[in-house]
Amino acid sequence: MRRAVTATVVSLAFLGIAFVGCEDISEEAFPVETATQAPSQTPATAAEITNLTPVVGDVEEAIERAKQAQAVDDAKPRFRGELGDFNVVGPDTGATHYPCPEPHQPGTNAEQSELYFSLPGAGIGMVGSCQGTVISITADVGDGYSMIGRSYFLGPNVFVFFDAPADRLELMTIGGRPALAELGIPGGLLTTTQVVVIERFPSETAPGIFTWAQSIDEVDRAVRLVEAIMGVAPGP
């Protein structure tokens, strides 16, 4: 088995941070009561400070180990080439799953497309189209760090834009269909995991269909997401 994964981007939503706009933030809008006496605070004891020190040290050690794991992974060559039914081309190659002639015409009937899927909490974020036909659908799962999608491809293999060494790429089977996973960096923190599954191979009468999911750290969540889209398992 081969394994894989890329770097990750952590959004403020993942950290649970939200900013709400306010039209009026003056003192009149939010009156301030002046306390006559500040509440008393008991200084931390030496024992409490001592107990906190190992926690801080553990965090610093974990961050340092993650940096070392990232450096080891970065030093490995990125895998490029065919792997099973997939063609790993890496990012920014210009490869496309569904070449489309000009002029482009937007597709507005995503709900009528066979690519359409509905997952509780997920919101459709992007719909790709070619000559008025929907060719890809992408959705935000709603947890702040996971994305899912389904697309057509013309084959013979699915282009995969993973940027990882061979030991973080793993062929697997999901719902009886061929899949390729990019696994997280061992020992890393918040590293991206991705899964691509071929639901249908191209034929003379229809394009192929692949489903994908991207999440953080454990590949199991990405697997559960594609299973939910494919209808082979309930949503995560």
Protein backbone atom coordinates (compact mmCIF):
# COMPACT_ATOMS: atom_id res chain seq x y z
CA MET A 1 0.00 0.00 0.00
CA ARG A 2 1.13 3.54 -0.68
CA ARG A 3 0.30 6.54 1.47
CA ALA A 4 -0.04 10.39 1.01
CA VAL A 5 -1.12 13.99 2.07
CA THR A 6 -0.56 17.75 1.56
CA ALA A 7 -0.20 20.80 3.75
CA THR A 8 -3.29 22.31 5.26
CA VAL A 9 -4.92 25.69 5.68
CA VAL A 10 -6.70 26.33 8.98
CA SER A 11 -9.56 28.82 8.76
CA LEU A 12 -10.86 31.03 11.54
CA ALA A 13 -14.09 29.08 11.31
CA PHE A 14 -12.14 25.95 12.28
CA LEU A 15 -10.93 27.78 15.35
CA GLY A 16 -14.51 28.76 16.19
CA ILE A 17 -13.90 32.48 15.65
CA ALA A 18 -16.57 34.68 14.08
CA PHE A 19 -16.75 38.43 13.48
CA VAL A 20 -20.10 40.22 13.48
CA GLY A 21 -20.45 43.71 12.01
CA CYS A 22 -22.01 46.43 14.20
CA GLU A 23 -23.39 49.74 12.99
CA ASP A 24 -22.92 51.51 16.33
CA ILE A 25 -20.26 50.62 18.88
CA SER A 26 -20.32 53.92 20.78
CA GLU A 27 -20.74 54.17 24.53
CA GLU A 28 -24.33 55.28 23.95
CA ALA A 29 -25.03 52.03 22.17
CA PHE A 30 -23.28 49.98 24.82
CA PRO A 31 -23.43 51.85 28.19
CA VAL A 32 -20.57 51.07 30.55
CA GLU A 33 -21.07 50.80 34.28
CA THR A 34 -18.10 51.88 36.36
CA ALA A 35 -17.26 49.52 39.16
CA THR A 36 -16.60 51.16 42.49
CA GLN A 37 -14.20 48.45 43.47
CA ALA A 38 -12.33 45.93 41.39
CA PRO A 39 -13.11 42.35 42.32
CA SER A 40 -10.40 40.77 44.37
CA GLN A 41 -8.25 38.14 42.71
CA THR A 42 -6.26 35.52 44.51
CA PRO A 43 -2.72 35.31 43.10
CA ALA A 44 -1.77 31.96 41.61
CA THR A 45 0.15 29.81 44.02
CA ALA A 46 3.59 28.45 43.25
CA ALA A 47 2.10 24.96 43.07
CA GLU A 48 -0.46 26.06 40.45
CA ILE A 49 2.25 27.66 38.33
CA THR A 50 4.38 24.54 38.64
CA ASN A 51 1.46 22.36 37.54
CA LEU A 52 0.93 24.54 34.44
CA THR A 53 4.54 24.40 33.29
CA PRO A 54 4.48 20.75 32.03
CA VAL A 55 1.38 21.52 29.92
CA VAL A 56 3.15 24.40 28.18
CA GLY A 57 6.19 22.21 27.69
CA ASP A 58 4.11 19.41 26.16
CA VAL A 59 2.58 21.83 23.63
CA GLU A 60 5.97 23.22 22.66
CA GLU A 61 7.35 19.70 22.24
CA ALA A 62 4.38 18.68 20.09
CA ILE A 63 4.87 21.71 17.84
CA GLU A 64 8.55 20.97 17.51
CA ARG A 65 7.88 17.32 16.64
CA ALA A 66 5.34 18.44 14.03
CA LYS A 67 7.91 20.79 12.47
CA GLN A 68 10.42 17.96 12.30
CA ALA A 69 7.83 15.64 10.74
CA GLN A 70 7.01 18.29 8.14
CA ALA A 71 10.71 18.76 7.31
CA VAL A 72 11.18 15.01 6.84
CA ASP A 73 8.14 14.87 4.55
CA ASP A 74 9.26 17.92 2.54
CA ALA A 75 12.62 16.27 1.87
CA LYS A 76 10.96 13.34 0.09
CA PRO A 77 10.32 13.47 -3.68
CA ARG A 78 6.71 14.07 -4.71
CA PHE A 79 5.06 11.15 -6.48
CA ARG A 80 4.07 11.71 -10.11
CA GLY A 81 2.61 9.16 -12.50
CA GLU A 82 -0.05 6.48 -12.75
CA LEU A 83 -1.19 4.67 -9.64
CA GLY A 84 -3.98 2.18 -10.22
CA ASP A 85 -6.79 3.94 -12.10
CA PHE A 86 -5.41 7.35 -11.16
CA ASN A 87 -2.83 9.69 -12.65
CA VAL A 88 -1.11 11.79 -9.98
CA VAL A 89 -0.07 15.02 -11.70
CA GLY A 90 0.39 17.37 -8.76
CA PRO A 91 -0.96 20.92 -8.43
CA ASP A 92 -0.73 23.74 -10.99
CA THR A 93 -0.26 21.47 -14.01
CA GLY A 94 -3.14 22.78 -16.10
CA ALA A 95 -4.59 19.28 -16.43
CA THR A 96 -8.37 19.11 -16.72
CA HIS A 97 -10.89 16.34 -16.22
CA TYR A 98 -13.35 17.64 -18.78
CA PRO A 99 -11.95 19.80 -21.61
CA CYS A 100 -14.54 22.39 -22.65
CA PRO A 101 -14.54 24.49 -25.84
CA GLU A 102 -15.25 28.21 -25.79
CA PRO A 103 -17.49 30.02 -25.22
CA HIS A 104 -18.35 28.80 -21.71
CA GLN A 105 -21.98 28.81 -20.73
CA PRO A 106 -22.93 28.64 -17.06
CA GLY A 107 -24.93 25.70 -15.82
CA THR A 108 -27.84 26.68 -13.60
CA ASN A 109 -29.58 23.35 -13.06
CA ALA A 110 -27.31 21.75 -10.47
CA GLU A 111 -30.25 20.09 -8.70
CA GLN A 112 -31.24 18.36 -11.94
CA SER A 113 -27.74 16.99 -12.61
CA GLU A 114 -26.82 13.39 -11.83
CA LEU A 115 -23.80 14.87 -10.04
CA TYR A 116 -26.00 16.59 -7.47
CA PHE A 117 -25.81 15.43 -3.87
CA SER A 118 -27.32 16.55 -0.60
CA LEU A 119 -25.57 16.20 2.73
CA PRO A 120 -26.89 17.62 6.04
CA GLY A 121 -25.02 20.80 6.90
CA ALA A 122 -23.28 21.04 3.52
CA GLY A 123 -23.79 24.02 1.23
CA ILE A 124 -23.11 24.03 -2.51
CA GLY A 125 -20.29 26.48 -3.10
CA MET A 126 -19.29 26.07 -6.73
CA VAL A 127 -20.86 24.60 -9.86
CA GLY A 128 -18.68 23.99 -12.92
CA SER A 129 -20.28 23.84 -16.33
CA CYS A 130 -19.54 23.29 -20.01
CA GLN A 131 -21.87 24.42 -22.77
CA GLY A 132 -24.71 24.65 -20.27
CA THR A 133 -24.09 21.20 -18.77
CA VAL A 134 -23.09 20.86 -15.12
CA ILE A 135 -19.73 19.04 -14.99
CA SER A 136 -18.71 19.51 -11.34
CA ILE A 137 -20.23 20.40 -7.97
CA THR A 138 -18.27 21.45 -4.89
CA ALA A 139 -19.66 21.92 -1.38
CA ASP A 140 -18.49 23.13 2.02
CA VAL A 141 -19.38 20.55 4.65
CA GLY A 142 -19.98 23.24 7.24
CA ASP A 143 -17.40 22.19 9.83
CA GLY A 144 -14.90 24.84 8.74
CA TYR A 145 -12.27 22.47 7.38
CA SER A 146 -13.84 19.87 5.09
CA MET A 147 -14.82 20.06 1.40
CA ILE A 148 -16.59 17.56 -0.83
CA GLY A 149 -17.40 17.32 -4.51
CA ARG A 150 -18.41 15.25 -7.51
CA SER A 151 -17.23 15.69 -11.10
CA TYR A 152 -17.29 14.24 -14.58
CA PHE A 153 -14.08 13.02 -16.21
CA LEU A 154 -13.32 11.80 -19.71
CA GLY A 155 -10.53 9.41 -18.79
CA PRO A 156 -9.07 7.01 -19.24
CA ASN A 157 -7.69 7.80 -15.74
CA VAL A 158 -8.67 10.43 -13.20
CA PHE A 159 -6.17 13.25 -12.81
CA VAL A 160 -5.29 13.64 -9.13
CA PHE A 161 -3.64 16.82 -7.93
CA PHE A 162 -2.10 15.39 -4.77
CA ASP A 163 1.31 16.77 -3.79
CA ALA A 164 2.80 14.09 -1.56
CA PRO A 165 5.51 11.41 -1.47
CA ALA A 166 4.63 7.83 -2.42
CA ASP A 167 4.49 6.63 1.18
CA ARG A 168 1.50 8.90 1.86
CA LEU A 169 -0.54 7.68 -1.11
CA GLU A 170 -2.74 4.66 -0.59
CA LEU A 171 -4.93 2.74 -3.01
CA MET A 172 -8.12 1.49 -1.40
CA THR A 173 -11.67 0.39 -2.19
CA ILE A 174 -14.70 2.39 -1.04
CA GLY A 175 -18.20 1.10 -1.67
CA GLY A 176 -16.72 -1.47 -4.05
CA ARG A 177 -15.14 1.27 -6.17
CA PRO A 178 -11.42 2.11 -6.69
CA ALA A 179 -10.13 4.97 -4.57
CA LEU A 180 -6.89 6.80 -3.87
CA ALA A 181 -6.17 8.51 -0.55
CA GLU A 182 -3.61 11.11 0.39
CA LEU A 183 -2.83 10.51 4.05
CA GLY A 184 -1.67 12.96 6.68
CA ILE A 185 1.95 13.53 7.61
CA PRO A 186 2.85 11.10 10.43
CA GLY A 187 3.49 13.15 13.54
CA GLY A 188 2.23 16.33 11.85
CA LEU A 189 -0.44 18.71 13.11
CA LEU A 190 -3.54 19.65 11.11
CA THR A 191 -2.29 18.16 7.85
CA THR A 192 -4.67 17.70 4.93
CA THR A 193 -6.12 14.32 4.00
CA GLN A 194 -7.93 13.68 0.73
CA VAL A 195 -9.79 10.83 -0.96
CA VAL A 196 -10.85 10.41 -4.60
CA VAL A 197 -13.25 7.62 -5.63
CA ILE A 198 -14.19 6.56 -9.17
CA GLU A 199 -17.94 5.98 -9.11
CA ARG A 200 -18.26 5.37 -12.84
CA PHE A 201 -15.77 4.87 -15.66
CA PRO A 202 -16.31 6.69 -18.97
CA SER A 203 -18.17 4.91 -21.76
CA GLU A 204 -19.09 5.72 -25.35
CA THR A 205 -22.32 7.30 -24.16
CA ALA A 206 -21.45 8.93 -20.82
CA PRO A 207 -18.50 10.54 -19.05
CA GLY A 208 -17.01 9.01 -15.94
CA ILE A 209 -17.86 10.26 -12.45
CA PHE A 210 -15.51 10.68 -9.51
CA THR A 211 -16.27 11.85 -5.98
CA TRP A 212 -13.75 13.46 -3.64
CA ALA A 213 -13.44 14.77 -0.10
CA GLN A 214 -10.83 16.77 1.76
CA SER A 215 -10.47 17.06 5.52
CA ILE A 216 -7.83 17.35 8.25
CA ASP A 217 -5.60 14.85 10.07
CA GLU A 218 -7.42 11.51 9.89
CA VAL A 219 -8.38 10.11 6.49
CA ASP A 220 -11.35 8.30 8.04
CA ARG A 221 -13.50 11.44 7.96
CA ALA A 222 -12.80 12.01 4.26
CA VAL A 223 -13.74 8.38 3.62
CA ARG A 224 -17.02 8.78 5.53
CA LEU A 225 -17.86 11.90 3.54
CA VAL A 226 -17.46 10.22 0.14
CA GLU A 227 -19.39 7.20 1.41
CA ALA A 228 -22.24 9.52 2.36
CA ILE A 229 -22.25 11.16 -1.09
CA MET A 230 -22.21 7.78 -2.78
CA GLY A 231 -25.02 6.56 -0.55
CA VAL A 232 -23.11 3.55 0.75
CA ALA A 233 -23.07 4.81 4.34
CA PRO A 234 -24.82 7.46 6.45
CA GLY A 235 -23.19 10.87 6.76
CA PRO A 236 -20.53 11.52 9.39
